[in-house]
Amino acid sequence: MAKYKQGRQSIRFEEPPVITHWASIAGKKESEGPLAHTFDFTSTDTLFGQKSWEQAEKHMQQLALDTLVSKAGLTKKELDLVFSGDLLNQCIGSSFSLRNLKIPHLGLYGACSTMAESLLLSAMTVGGGFADRVVAMTSSHFASSERQYRFPLGYGGQRTPTAQWTVTGSGAALVQSSGKGPRIESCTIGTVVDLGIKDANNMGAAMAPAALSTIQAHFADFGTSAADYDLIVTGDLGQLGKELLLQLARDAGLSLGGKLEDCGTLVFDTSAQDVHSGGSGCGCSAITLCGELLNKLQKGKLKKILFCGTGALLSPTSTQQGQSIPGVCHAVCITGGN
């Protein structure tokens, strides 16, 4: 019997796991945005002292993990498990950052939904009694993503108005069976949704239907509505995707009650920074959660949020072969705690 299963797609924890500590690492452009004061470490060097963009991304995850265990007063050997992933082929940012550390690791690929996916799986592992201390972690880097998914920066390609700016950043959260901090009350696992969008420069449109599907499933499984949350935050649809989600919700007769925000529109000042439709990448929702959102939950400025990580599950190969872009969204309900 699945004792914690709720409805079709969701999980409710009998003893909610606790997010006791969190850490965020951000790059230069992110440090110039409105959330700069919430990050633990920022660098004006986009290479982070490394020889390549990919090594810089690996280094960001190392910094995030180092910062996290330092804040928690732990050693890495005291961690039971790390769930992590990134946007790089074969998730080398995550596996290279953890090599030789002797920490049990399960690698993930959820594209930009990876922070929500890793947090959800961490909560399931702790809430199910399989571990006491689990880390959820991810990263992205603007330059490594451009090289892999679109064009090397040296090409000087023109960006379309619908394009988003991949966040250079890494976030990590420590989920424990006990302690003080925000609590993970429940989760909803998303389904893969594909409505035929093929434009890799308009991923907000590809992910918005998946976000709607998961939010609808969460409300149905728990009998809740937007009124039950202080904030419903997606990550990362960008401005265009956020507007599309609102339109899709209206068409479906679903009210989001003015509660919707998006990490892609929070992390940058879209009027002052040239990011077109906003932020994207695994690091976008990661540093927004492991900074602004968890800080506000800890301080009581937010009491209950639905964190909905969205991901576009494309690859360079699928794009080159003319395939449409599947989307996914996973939701994590987090409440403030002491």
Protein backbone atom coordinates (compact mmCIF):
# COMPACT_ATOMS: atom_id res chain seq x y z
CA MET A 1 0.00 0.00 0.00
CA ALA A 2 1.36 3.40 -1.01
CA LYS A 3 0.71 5.12 2.33
CA TYR A 4 1.85 8.60 1.24
CA LYS A 5 0.23 8.68 -2.20
CA GLN A 6 -2.39 11.38 -2.65
CA GLY A 7 -4.68 11.28 -5.68
CA ARG A 8 -3.23 10.48 -9.09
CA GLN A 9 0.17 12.21 -9.09
CA SER A 10 0.91 13.50 -5.62
CA ILE A 11 2.53 12.68 -2.30
CA ARG A 12 1.65 14.00 1.16
CA PHE A 13 4.23 13.52 3.89
CA GLU A 14 3.11 12.33 7.31
CA GLU A 15 6.17 13.95 8.88
CA PRO A 16 7.24 16.72 6.49
CA PRO A 17 10.99 16.78 5.73
CA VAL A 18 12.79 19.98 6.67
CA ILE A 19 14.95 22.21 4.46
CA THR A 20 17.42 23.19 7.16
CA HIS A 21 20.05 25.01 5.08
CA TRP A 22 20.50 26.29 1.54
CA ALA A 23 23.19 27.94 -0.58
CA SER A 24 23.28 29.92 -3.81
CA ILE A 25 26.16 30.80 -6.14
CA ALA A 26 25.66 33.35 -8.92
CA GLY A 27 27.52 34.99 -11.79
CA LYS A 28 28.15 38.57 -12.79
CA LYS A 29 24.88 39.35 -14.58
CA GLU A 30 22.87 37.76 -11.78
CA SER A 31 24.76 39.86 -9.22
CA GLU A 32 23.51 42.95 -11.06
CA GLY A 33 19.87 41.89 -10.72
CA PRO A 34 17.24 42.48 -8.03
CA LEU A 35 18.04 39.30 -6.04
CA ALA A 36 21.78 39.97 -5.67
CA HIS A 37 21.52 40.46 -1.90
CA THR A 38 20.11 36.95 -1.44
CA PHE A 39 23.04 35.02 -2.95
CA ASP A 40 25.80 33.53 -0.77
CA PHE A 41 28.57 34.05 -3.33
CA THR A 42 28.86 35.96 -6.60
CA SER A 43 31.71 36.26 -9.06
CA THR A 44 32.53 38.91 -11.63
CA ASP A 45 34.61 36.29 -13.45
CA THR A 46 32.24 34.17 -15.57
CA LEU A 47 34.91 31.46 -15.76
CA PHE A 48 35.12 31.30 -11.96
CA GLY A 49 38.90 30.96 -12.31
CA GLN A 50 38.59 27.88 -14.53
CA LYS A 51 39.74 27.13 -18.08
CA SER A 52 36.36 26.49 -19.70
CA TRP A 53 32.68 27.31 -19.24
CA GLU A 54 31.94 23.68 -18.42
CA GLN A 55 34.63 23.59 -15.72
CA ALA A 56 33.20 26.84 -14.37
CA GLU A 57 29.82 25.16 -13.99
CA LYS A 58 31.42 22.22 -12.17
CA HIS A 59 33.19 24.69 -9.88
CA MET A 60 29.91 26.47 -9.09
CA GLN A 61 28.40 23.21 -7.87
CA GLN A 62 31.47 22.58 -5.75
CA LEU A 63 31.12 26.06 -4.24
CA ALA A 64 27.42 25.50 -3.59
CA LEU A 65 28.05 22.21 -1.80
CA ASP A 66 30.99 23.63 0.18
CA THR A 67 28.88 26.61 1.25
CA LEU A 68 25.95 24.40 2.19
CA VAL A 69 27.87 22.01 4.44
CA SER A 70 29.70 24.94 6.03
CA LYS A 71 26.39 26.66 6.88
CA ALA A 72 25.06 23.37 8.27
CA GLY A 73 28.18 22.72 10.36
CA LEU A 74 28.63 19.32 8.72
CA THR A 75 31.29 17.47 6.78
CA LYS A 76 30.57 15.99 3.37
CA LYS A 77 30.98 12.49 4.80
CA GLU A 78 27.92 13.13 6.96
CA LEU A 79 25.69 13.50 3.88
CA ASP A 80 23.66 10.40 3.04
CA LEU A 81 22.96 11.23 -0.59
CA VAL A 82 23.10 13.93 -3.27
CA PHE A 83 20.50 14.26 -6.02
CA SER A 84 21.88 16.55 -8.71
CA GLY A 85 21.83 17.32 -12.41
CA ASP A 86 22.48 20.07 -14.93
CA LEU A 87 22.04 20.99 -18.60
CA LEU A 88 25.36 19.71 -19.89
CA ASN A 89 25.51 16.54 -21.97
CA GLN A 90 25.64 13.51 -19.65
CA CYS A 91 25.31 15.93 -16.69
CA ILE A 92 29.07 16.36 -16.38
CA GLY A 93 28.70 19.45 -14.20
CA SER A 94 27.20 17.29 -11.48
CA SER A 95 29.25 14.11 -11.78
CA PHE A 96 32.57 15.96 -12.15
CA SER A 97 31.80 18.15 -9.11
CA LEU A 98 31.24 15.09 -6.91
CA ARG A 99 33.99 12.80 -8.15
CA ASN A 100 36.20 11.25 -5.46
CA LEU A 101 34.15 12.77 -2.62
CA LYS A 102 32.71 9.37 -1.62
CA ILE A 103 29.20 10.79 -1.31
CA PRO A 104 26.41 8.55 -2.66
CA HIS A 105 25.03 10.25 -5.76
CA LEU A 106 21.99 9.85 -7.99
CA GLY A 107 22.18 11.91 -11.17
CA LEU A 108 19.12 13.54 -12.72
CA TYR A 109 18.07 15.17 -15.93
CA GLY A 110 14.95 17.27 -15.72
CA ALA A 111 16.28 20.24 -17.71
CA CYS A 112 15.21 23.45 -15.97
CA SER A 113 12.89 21.47 -13.66
CA THR A 114 15.91 19.79 -12.02
CA MET A 115 15.82 21.84 -8.80
CA ALA A 116 12.19 20.89 -8.19
CA GLU A 117 12.86 17.27 -9.22
CA SER A 118 15.88 16.92 -6.94
CA LEU A 119 13.99 18.55 -4.05
CA LEU A 120 11.00 16.29 -4.60
CA LEU A 121 13.16 13.14 -4.64
CA SER A 122 15.10 14.32 -1.59
CA ALA A 123 11.84 14.78 0.28
CA MET A 124 10.61 11.34 -0.80
CA THR A 125 13.87 9.74 0.33
CA VAL A 126 13.88 11.46 3.72
CA GLY A 127 10.12 11.28 4.24
CA GLY A 128 10.14 7.58 3.36
CA GLY A 129 12.79 6.86 5.98
CA PHE A 130 15.58 5.94 3.56
CA ALA A 131 17.99 8.71 4.61
CA ASP A 132 18.35 11.51 7.16
CA ARG A 133 20.47 14.08 5.25
CA VAL A 134 20.00 14.55 1.51
CA VAL A 135 21.17 17.37 -0.78
CA ALA A 136 19.21 18.65 -3.78
CA MET A 137 21.51 20.53 -6.17
CA THR A 138 21.75 21.82 -9.72
CA SER A 139 23.43 24.44 -11.90
CA SER A 140 23.54 26.12 -15.30
CA HIS A 141 25.92 28.49 -17.08
CA PHE A 142 25.00 30.93 -19.81
CA ALA A 143 28.01 30.26 -22.02
CA SER A 144 28.05 26.46 -21.71
CA SER A 145 24.34 26.33 -22.54
CA GLU A 146 24.71 28.61 -25.56
CA ARG A 147 27.55 26.47 -26.87
CA GLN A 148 25.55 23.27 -26.47
CA TYR A 149 22.02 24.25 -27.45
CA ARG A 150 22.30 27.21 -29.78
CA PHE A 151 25.45 28.90 -31.13
CA PRO A 152 28.92 29.46 -29.67
CA LEU A 153 29.14 33.02 -28.37
CA GLY A 154 31.84 33.88 -30.92
CA TYR A 155 29.26 33.58 -33.69
CA GLY A 156 27.53 36.71 -32.42
CA GLY A 157 24.09 35.29 -33.29
CA GLN A 158 21.09 37.59 -32.92
CA ARG A 159 18.69 36.60 -30.15
CA THR A 160 14.95 36.52 -30.84
CA PRO A 161 12.56 38.53 -28.60
CA THR A 162 11.15 35.27 -27.18
CA ALA A 163 14.60 33.99 -26.13
CA GLN A 164 15.60 33.76 -22.47
CA TRP A 165 18.97 34.29 -20.81
CA THR A 166 20.39 31.16 -19.19
CA VAL A 167 21.28 31.94 -15.58
CA THR A 168 24.86 31.39 -14.45
CA GLY A 169 24.35 29.94 -11.01
CA SER A 170 24.08 26.94 -8.73
CA GLY A 171 21.74 26.21 -5.85
CA ALA A 172 21.83 23.52 -3.18
CA ALA A 173 19.38 22.66 -0.39
CA LEU A 174 19.84 20.30 2.55
CA VAL A 175 16.75 18.21 3.33
CA GLN A 176 16.71 16.52 6.73
CA SER A 177 14.35 14.38 8.76
CA SER A 178 14.37 16.88 11.63
CA GLY A 179 15.55 20.38 12.46
CA LYS A 180 14.44 23.94 11.95
CA GLY A 181 13.48 25.48 8.63
CA PRO A 182 10.85 25.44 5.90
CA ARG A 183 9.05 22.11 5.54
CA ILE A 184 8.15 20.15 2.42
CA GLU A 185 4.50 19.35 3.02
CA SER A 186 3.68 17.66 -0.29
CA CYS A 187 4.76 17.17 -3.91
CA THR A 188 3.17 16.57 -7.29
CA ILE A 189 5.08 14.65 -9.97
CA GLY A 190 4.52 16.04 -13.44
CA THR A 191 3.69 14.31 -16.70
CA VAL A 192 5.44 15.00 -20.01
CA VAL A 193 3.33 17.36 -22.14
CA ASP A 194 4.04 18.24 -25.78
CA LEU A 195 1.71 20.52 -27.76
CA GLY A 196 3.98 20.72 -30.80
CA ILE A 197 6.18 23.78 -30.14
CA LYS A 198 9.41 23.44 -32.16
CA ASP A 199 11.12 26.80 -31.60
CA ALA A 200 14.10 26.26 -29.27
CA ASN A 201 14.18 30.03 -28.73
CA ASN A 202 10.67 29.98 -27.28
CA MET A 203 10.90 27.41 -24.52
CA GLY A 204 8.47 29.28 -22.29
CA ALA A 205 5.70 28.40 -24.75
CA ALA A 206 6.80 24.74 -24.75
CA MET A 207 6.79 24.51 -20.93
CA ALA A 208 3.66 26.50 -20.07
CA PRO A 209 1.20 23.65 -20.88
CA ALA A 210 3.17 21.30 -18.57
CA ALA A 211 3.02 23.91 -15.80
CA LEU A 212 -0.74 24.18 -16.15
CA SER A 213 -1.11 20.38 -16.15
CA THR A 214 0.84 19.98 -12.91
CA ILE A 215 -0.85 22.86 -11.11
CA GLN A 216 -4.25 21.44 -12.07
CA ALA A 217 -3.18 17.98 -10.86
CA HIS A 218 -1.91 19.39 -7.55
CA PHE A 219 -5.14 21.28 -6.91
CA ALA A 220 -7.23 18.21 -7.81
CA ASP A 221 -5.18 15.77 -5.72
CA PHE A 222 -5.31 17.94 -2.59
CA GLY A 223 -8.63 19.74 -3.08
CA THR A 224 -6.91 23.12 -2.93
CA SER A 225 -6.89 26.30 -5.01
CA ALA A 226 -4.65 29.31 -5.51
CA ALA A 227 -6.25 30.87 -2.44
CA ASP A 228 -4.46 28.31 -0.25
CA TYR A 229 -0.98 29.59 -1.19
CA ASP A 230 0.85 32.86 -0.70
CA LEU A 231 2.71 32.30 -3.95
CA ILE A 232 2.70 29.93 -6.91
CA VAL A 233 6.10 30.28 -8.51
CA THR A 234 7.11 28.63 -11.77
CA GLY A 235 10.66 28.29 -12.96
CA ASP A 236 11.37 29.25 -15.56
CA LEU A 237 8.83 30.26 -18.13
CA GLY A 238 10.08 33.81 -18.57
CA GLN A 239 7.72 36.70 -19.25
CA LEU A 240 6.17 35.27 -22.42
CA GLY A 241 5.69 31.80 -20.92
CA LYS A 242 4.18 33.28 -17.76
CA GLU A 243 1.66 35.26 -19.81
CA LEU A 244 0.85 32.16 -21.83
CA LEU A 245 0.30 30.11 -18.65
CA LEU A 246 -2.11 32.74 -17.36
CA GLN A 247 -4.00 32.63 -20.67
CA LEU A 248 -4.10 28.82 -20.68
CA ALA A 249 -5.39 28.86 -17.09
CA ARG A 250 -8.14 31.34 -18.01
CA ASP A 251 -9.12 29.19 -21.00
CA ALA A 252 -9.32 26.16 -18.68
CA GLY A 253 -11.47 28.06 -16.17
CA LEU A 254 -8.70 27.97 -13.54
CA SER A 255 -8.10 31.04 -11.42
CA LEU A 256 -4.55 31.59 -10.17
CA GLY A 257 -5.79 34.44 -8.04
CA GLY A 258 -2.96 36.86 -8.77
CA LYS A 259 -0.57 34.48 -6.98
CA LEU A 260 1.60 33.51 -9.98
CA GLU A 261 5.25 34.56 -10.23
CA ASP A 262 8.09 33.11 -12.31
CA CYS A 263 11.74 32.70 -11.36
CA GLY A 264 12.73 33.81 -14.87
CA THR A 265 11.13 37.21 -14.28
CA LEU A 266 12.30 37.56 -10.67
CA VAL A 267 16.03 36.89 -11.04
CA PHE A 268 16.68 39.70 -13.57
CA ASP A 269 15.39 43.24 -14.01
CA THR A 270 13.89 42.72 -17.45
CA SER A 271 13.53 46.47 -18.01
CA ALA A 272 17.17 47.30 -17.22
CA GLN A 273 19.02 44.10 -18.16
CA ASP A 274 19.12 42.81 -21.73
CA VAL A 275 17.64 39.37 -21.11
CA HIS A 276 14.72 39.55 -23.55
CA SER A 277 11.96 37.32 -22.10
CA GLY A 278 13.79 36.71 -18.80
CA GLY A 279 15.94 34.07 -17.16
CA SER A 280 16.14 30.34 -17.76
CA GLY A 281 18.34 27.32 -17.02
CA CYS A 282 18.56 24.94 -14.06
CA GLY A 283 20.30 27.65 -12.06
CA CYS A 284 17.45 30.11 -12.50
CA SER A 285 14.92 28.45 -10.20
CA ALA A 286 17.74 27.04 -8.05
CA ILE A 287 19.24 30.35 -6.97
CA THR A 288 15.82 32.00 -6.70
CA LEU A 289 14.61 29.24 -4.38
CA CYS A 290 17.88 28.93 -2.43
CA GLY A 291 17.89 32.63 -1.74
CA GLU A 292 14.83 34.83 -2.04
CA LEU A 293 12.09 32.23 -1.55
CA LEU A 294 13.51 30.11 1.27
CA ASN A 295 14.75 33.24 3.05
CA LYS A 296 11.22 34.67 3.01
CA LEU A 297 9.73 31.40 4.23
CA GLN A 298 12.27 31.25 7.04
CA LYS A 299 11.50 34.82 8.11
CA GLY A 300 7.73 34.36 7.94
CA LYS A 301 7.26 36.75 5.03
CA LEU A 302 5.80 33.82 3.11
CA LYS A 303 3.88 31.05 4.84
CA LYS A 304 3.13 28.61 2.03
CA ILE A 305 4.34 28.41 -1.57
CA LEU A 306 3.92 26.03 -4.48
CA PHE A 307 7.31 25.80 -6.20
CA CYS A 308 6.76 24.54 -9.75
CA GLY A 309 9.99 23.75 -11.63
CA THR A 310 9.46 23.62 -15.40
CA GLY A 311 11.74 21.92 -17.91
CA ALA A 312 12.01 21.75 -21.71
CA LEU A 313 13.15 18.20 -22.48
CA LEU A 314 14.85 18.88 -25.80
CA SER A 315 18.36 18.05 -26.94
CA PRO A 316 20.54 19.45 -29.75
CA THR A 317 19.88 16.23 -31.69
CA SER A 318 16.09 16.42 -31.34
CA THR A 319 16.12 20.06 -32.43
CA GLN A 320 18.30 19.32 -35.46
CA GLN A 321 15.91 16.53 -36.44
CA GLY A 322 12.93 18.89 -36.30
CA GLN A 323 11.25 17.32 -33.28
CA SER A 324 8.87 19.29 -31.08
CA ILE A 325 9.79 20.13 -27.47
CA PRO A 326 8.28 18.08 -24.63
CA GLY A 327 7.81 19.90 -21.34
CA VAL A 328 7.54 18.77 -17.74
CA CYS A 329 6.76 20.45 -14.42
CA HIS A 330 7.15 19.15 -10.87
CA ALA A 331 5.55 20.93 -7.93
CA VAL A 332 6.77 21.09 -4.33
CA CYS A 333 4.61 22.61 -1.59
CA ILE A 334 6.83 24.32 1.01
CA THR A 335 5.61 25.87 4.24
CA GLY A 336 7.41 28.24 6.57
CA GLY A 337 8.91 26.67 9.66
CA ASN A 338 10.95 27.37 12.77
